[in-house]
Amino acid sequence: FYDAKRKRIYVSGGEGFVDVIEQRDADNYKLLERTSTAPGARTSFFSPELEQFYLAVPRRGEKPAEIRVYDAGK
């Protein structure tokens, strides 16, 4: 998801982390942060109005599924 206000890209690919990438200009990007999440957590949504990134974490064994909310306004 692209955060136009901050020129950031939020990527959740199911590997167990979320990458936050900063767009420096049209052709240059920098990894700002890699936040640990959970294996298989890839379904996500970014709300620019609320400045929040939502990540669905699937059930794993006895751990129930959950929705994690990250504050993009930091």
N, C-alpha and C. Protein backbone atom coordinates (compact mmCIF):
# COMPACT_ATOMS: atom_id res chain seq x y z
N PHE A 1 0.85 -1.17 0.00
CA PHE A 1 0.00 0.00 0.00
C PHE A 1 0.89 1.24 0.00
N TYR A 2 0.43 2.28 -0.69
CA TYR A 2 1.21 3.51 -0.79
C TYR A 2 0.61 4.59 0.11
N ASP A 3 1.42 5.16 0.96
CA ASP A 3 1.04 6.26 1.84
C ASP A 3 1.56 7.55 1.20
N ALA A 4 0.70 8.23 0.46
CA ALA A 4 1.10 9.42 -0.30
C ALA A 4 1.57 10.55 0.62
N LYS A 5 0.96 10.68 1.79
CA LYS A 5 1.33 11.75 2.71
C LYS A 5 2.79 11.63 3.17
N ARG A 6 3.23 10.42 3.42
CA ARG A 6 4.59 10.19 3.92
C ARG A 6 5.52 9.63 2.86
N LYS A 7 5.00 9.37 1.67
CA LYS A 7 5.77 8.76 0.57
C LYS A 7 6.41 7.45 1.04
N ARG A 8 5.55 6.60 1.59
CA ARG A 8 5.99 5.30 2.09
C ARG A 8 5.16 4.18 1.48
N ILE A 9 5.78 3.03 1.37
CA ILE A 9 5.11 1.83 0.89
C ILE A 9 5.14 0.81 2.02
N TYR A 10 3.99 0.19 2.29
CA TYR A 10 3.88 -0.84 3.33
C TYR A 10 3.67 -2.18 2.64
N VAL A 11 4.54 -3.16 2.94
CA VAL A 11 4.51 -4.45 2.25
C VAL A 11 4.39 -5.58 3.27
N SER A 12 3.33 -6.37 3.12
CA SER A 12 3.18 -7.58 3.93
C SER A 12 3.09 -8.76 2.97
N GLY A 13 4.04 -9.66 3.06
CA GLY A 13 4.09 -10.75 2.09
C GLY A 13 3.96 -12.13 2.70
N GLY A 14 3.67 -12.24 3.98
CA GLY A 14 3.49 -13.53 4.61
C GLY A 14 4.75 -14.16 5.16
N GLU A 15 5.89 -13.48 5.04
CA GLU A 15 7.16 -14.05 5.50
C GLU A 15 7.40 -13.87 7.00
N GLY A 16 6.54 -13.11 7.67
CA GLY A 16 6.71 -12.88 9.10
C GLY A 16 7.17 -11.49 9.45
N PHE A 17 7.05 -10.57 8.51
CA PHE A 17 7.41 -9.18 8.78
C PHE A 17 6.67 -8.25 7.82
N VAL A 18 6.64 -6.97 8.18
CA VAL A 18 6.11 -5.91 7.32
C VAL A 18 7.27 -4.97 7.02
N ASP A 19 7.48 -4.68 5.75
CA ASP A 19 8.51 -3.73 5.35
C ASP A 19 7.89 -2.36 5.15
N VAL A 20 8.58 -1.33 5.61
CA VAL A 20 8.20 0.06 5.35
C VAL A 20 9.31 0.64 4.48
N ILE A 21 8.94 1.05 3.28
CA ILE A 21 9.89 1.55 2.30
C ILE A 21 9.59 3.01 2.00
N GLU A 22 10.61 3.83 2.04
CA GLU A 22 10.45 5.26 1.76
C GLU A 22 10.78 5.55 0.30
N GLN A 23 9.90 6.31 -0.35
CA GLN A 23 10.17 6.76 -1.72
C GLN A 23 10.92 8.08 -1.63
N ARG A 24 12.17 8.08 -2.05
CA ARG A 24 12.99 9.30 -1.99
C ARG A 24 12.74 10.20 -3.19
N ASP A 25 12.59 9.59 -4.37
CA ASP A 25 12.17 10.28 -5.58
C ASP A 25 11.61 9.21 -6.51
N ALA A 26 11.35 9.56 -7.76
CA ALA A 26 10.67 8.65 -8.68
C ALA A 26 11.39 7.31 -8.85
N ASP A 27 12.71 7.29 -8.70
CA ASP A 27 13.48 6.08 -8.96
C ASP A 27 14.30 5.58 -7.77
N ASN A 28 14.14 6.18 -6.61
CA ASN A 28 14.96 5.81 -5.46
C ASN A 28 14.10 5.50 -4.24
N TYR A 29 14.37 4.33 -3.65
CA TYR A 29 13.62 3.86 -2.49
C TYR A 29 14.58 3.36 -1.43
N LYS A 30 14.18 3.45 -0.16
CA LYS A 30 15.02 2.99 0.93
C LYS A 30 14.17 2.23 1.94
N LEU A 31 14.67 1.07 2.38
CA LEU A 31 14.00 0.32 3.43
C LEU A 31 14.18 1.07 4.75
N LEU A 32 13.06 1.53 5.32
CA LEU A 32 13.11 2.27 6.58
C LEU A 32 13.02 1.36 7.79
N GLU A 33 12.18 0.34 7.67
CA GLU A 33 11.91 -0.50 8.84
C GLU A 33 11.42 -1.86 8.39
N ARG A 34 11.79 -2.87 9.16
CA ARG A 34 11.25 -4.23 8.98
C ARG A 34 10.71 -4.64 10.35
N THR A 35 9.38 -4.72 10.44
CA THR A 35 8.72 -5.05 11.69
C THR A 35 8.32 -6.51 11.71
N SER A 36 8.71 -7.21 12.74
CA SER A 36 8.37 -8.62 12.90
C SER A 36 6.87 -8.77 13.15
N THR A 37 6.25 -9.74 12.46
CA THR A 37 4.81 -10.00 12.64
C THR A 37 4.62 -11.47 12.99
N ALA A 38 4.09 -12.26 12.06
CA ALA A 38 3.89 -13.70 12.26
C ALA A 38 3.91 -14.37 10.90
N PRO A 39 4.43 -15.59 10.82
CA PRO A 39 4.42 -16.30 9.55
C PRO A 39 3.01 -16.43 8.99
N GLY A 40 2.87 -16.19 7.70
CA GLY A 40 1.57 -16.30 7.04
C GLY A 40 0.72 -15.05 7.08
N ALA A 41 1.15 -14.03 7.83
CA ALA A 41 0.38 -12.78 7.92
C ALA A 41 0.67 -11.93 6.69
N ARG A 42 -0.28 -11.91 5.76
CA ARG A 42 -0.05 -11.15 4.53
C ARG A 42 -1.24 -10.29 4.12
N THR A 43 -2.44 -10.67 4.50
CA THR A 43 -3.60 -9.88 4.13
C THR A 43 -3.60 -8.60 4.96
N SER A 44 -3.66 -7.47 4.27
CA SER A 44 -3.53 -6.20 4.97
C SER A 44 -4.35 -5.10 4.30
N PHE A 45 -4.45 -3.99 5.01
CA PHE A 45 -5.18 -2.82 4.53
C PHE A 45 -4.57 -1.58 5.15
N PHE A 46 -4.43 -0.52 4.36
CA PHE A 46 -3.93 0.75 4.87
C PHE A 46 -5.04 1.78 4.76
N SER A 47 -5.32 2.48 5.87
CA SER A 47 -6.31 3.55 5.89
C SER A 47 -5.57 4.89 6.00
N PRO A 48 -5.48 5.64 4.89
CA PRO A 48 -4.81 6.94 4.97
C PRO A 48 -5.55 7.92 5.88
N GLU A 49 -6.87 7.82 5.94
CA GLU A 49 -7.65 8.73 6.79
C GLU A 49 -7.36 8.51 8.27
N LEU A 50 -7.22 7.25 8.66
CA LEU A 50 -6.95 6.92 10.06
C LEU A 50 -5.45 6.81 10.35
N GLU A 51 -4.64 6.83 9.29
CA GLU A 51 -3.19 6.67 9.39
C GLU A 51 -2.83 5.38 10.12
N GLN A 52 -3.53 4.29 9.72
CA GLN A 52 -3.29 2.99 10.34
C GLN A 52 -3.16 1.91 9.28
N PHE A 53 -2.31 0.94 9.60
CA PHE A 53 -2.08 -0.23 8.75
C PHE A 53 -2.59 -1.44 9.51
N TYR A 54 -3.48 -2.20 8.89
CA TYR A 54 -4.10 -3.37 9.51
C TYR A 54 -3.53 -4.63 8.89
N LEU A 55 -3.21 -5.61 9.72
CA LEU A 55 -2.64 -6.87 9.25
C LEU A 55 -3.39 -8.04 9.86
N ALA A 56 -3.87 -8.95 9.00
CA ALA A 56 -4.55 -10.15 9.47
C ALA A 56 -3.52 -11.24 9.72
N VAL A 57 -3.52 -11.76 10.94
CA VAL A 57 -2.62 -12.84 11.32
C VAL A 57 -3.46 -14.12 11.43
N PRO A 58 -3.13 -15.15 10.65
CA PRO A 58 -3.94 -16.37 10.68
C PRO A 58 -3.75 -17.17 11.98
N ARG A 59 -4.72 -18.02 12.25
CA ARG A 59 -4.64 -18.93 13.40
C ARG A 59 -3.45 -19.87 13.20
N ARG A 60 -2.71 -20.08 14.28
CA ARG A 60 -1.56 -21.00 14.22
C ARG A 60 -1.62 -21.88 15.47
N GLY A 61 -1.95 -23.15 15.25
CA GLY A 61 -2.07 -24.06 16.39
C GLY A 61 -3.15 -23.59 17.34
N GLU A 62 -2.76 -23.37 18.59
CA GLU A 62 -3.70 -22.92 19.62
C GLU A 62 -3.89 -21.40 19.64
N LYS A 63 -3.04 -20.68 18.90
CA LYS A 63 -3.15 -19.21 18.88
C LYS A 63 -4.26 -18.80 17.92
N PRO A 64 -5.24 -18.02 18.39
CA PRO A 64 -6.34 -17.61 17.51
C PRO A 64 -5.89 -16.57 16.48
N ALA A 65 -6.66 -16.47 15.41
CA ALA A 65 -6.42 -15.42 14.41
C ALA A 65 -6.61 -14.06 15.07
N GLU A 66 -5.96 -13.06 14.50
CA GLU A 66 -6.09 -11.71 15.07
C GLU A 66 -5.86 -10.66 13.99
N ILE A 67 -6.31 -9.46 14.28
CA ILE A 67 -6.03 -8.29 13.44
C ILE A 67 -5.09 -7.39 14.24
N ARG A 68 -3.93 -7.13 13.68
CA ARG A 68 -2.98 -6.22 14.32
C ARG A 68 -3.08 -4.85 13.65
N VAL A 69 -2.98 -3.81 14.46
CA VAL A 69 -3.10 -2.44 13.97
C VAL A 69 -1.80 -1.71 14.27
N TYR A 70 -1.24 -1.10 13.22
CA TYR A 70 0.01 -0.36 13.33
C TYR A 70 -0.25 1.11 13.02
N ASP A 71 0.33 1.99 13.82
CA ASP A 71 0.16 3.43 13.65
C ASP A 71 1.16 3.94 12.62
N ALA A 72 0.67 4.38 11.47
CA ALA A 72 1.54 4.90 10.41
C ALA A 72 1.90 6.36 10.65
N GLY A 73 1.25 7.01 11.60
CA GLY A 73 1.47 8.42 11.86
C GLY A 73 2.69 8.74 12.69
N LYS A 74 3.46 7.72 13.04
CA LYS A 74 4.67 7.95 13.86
C LYS A 74 5.71 8.71 13.09
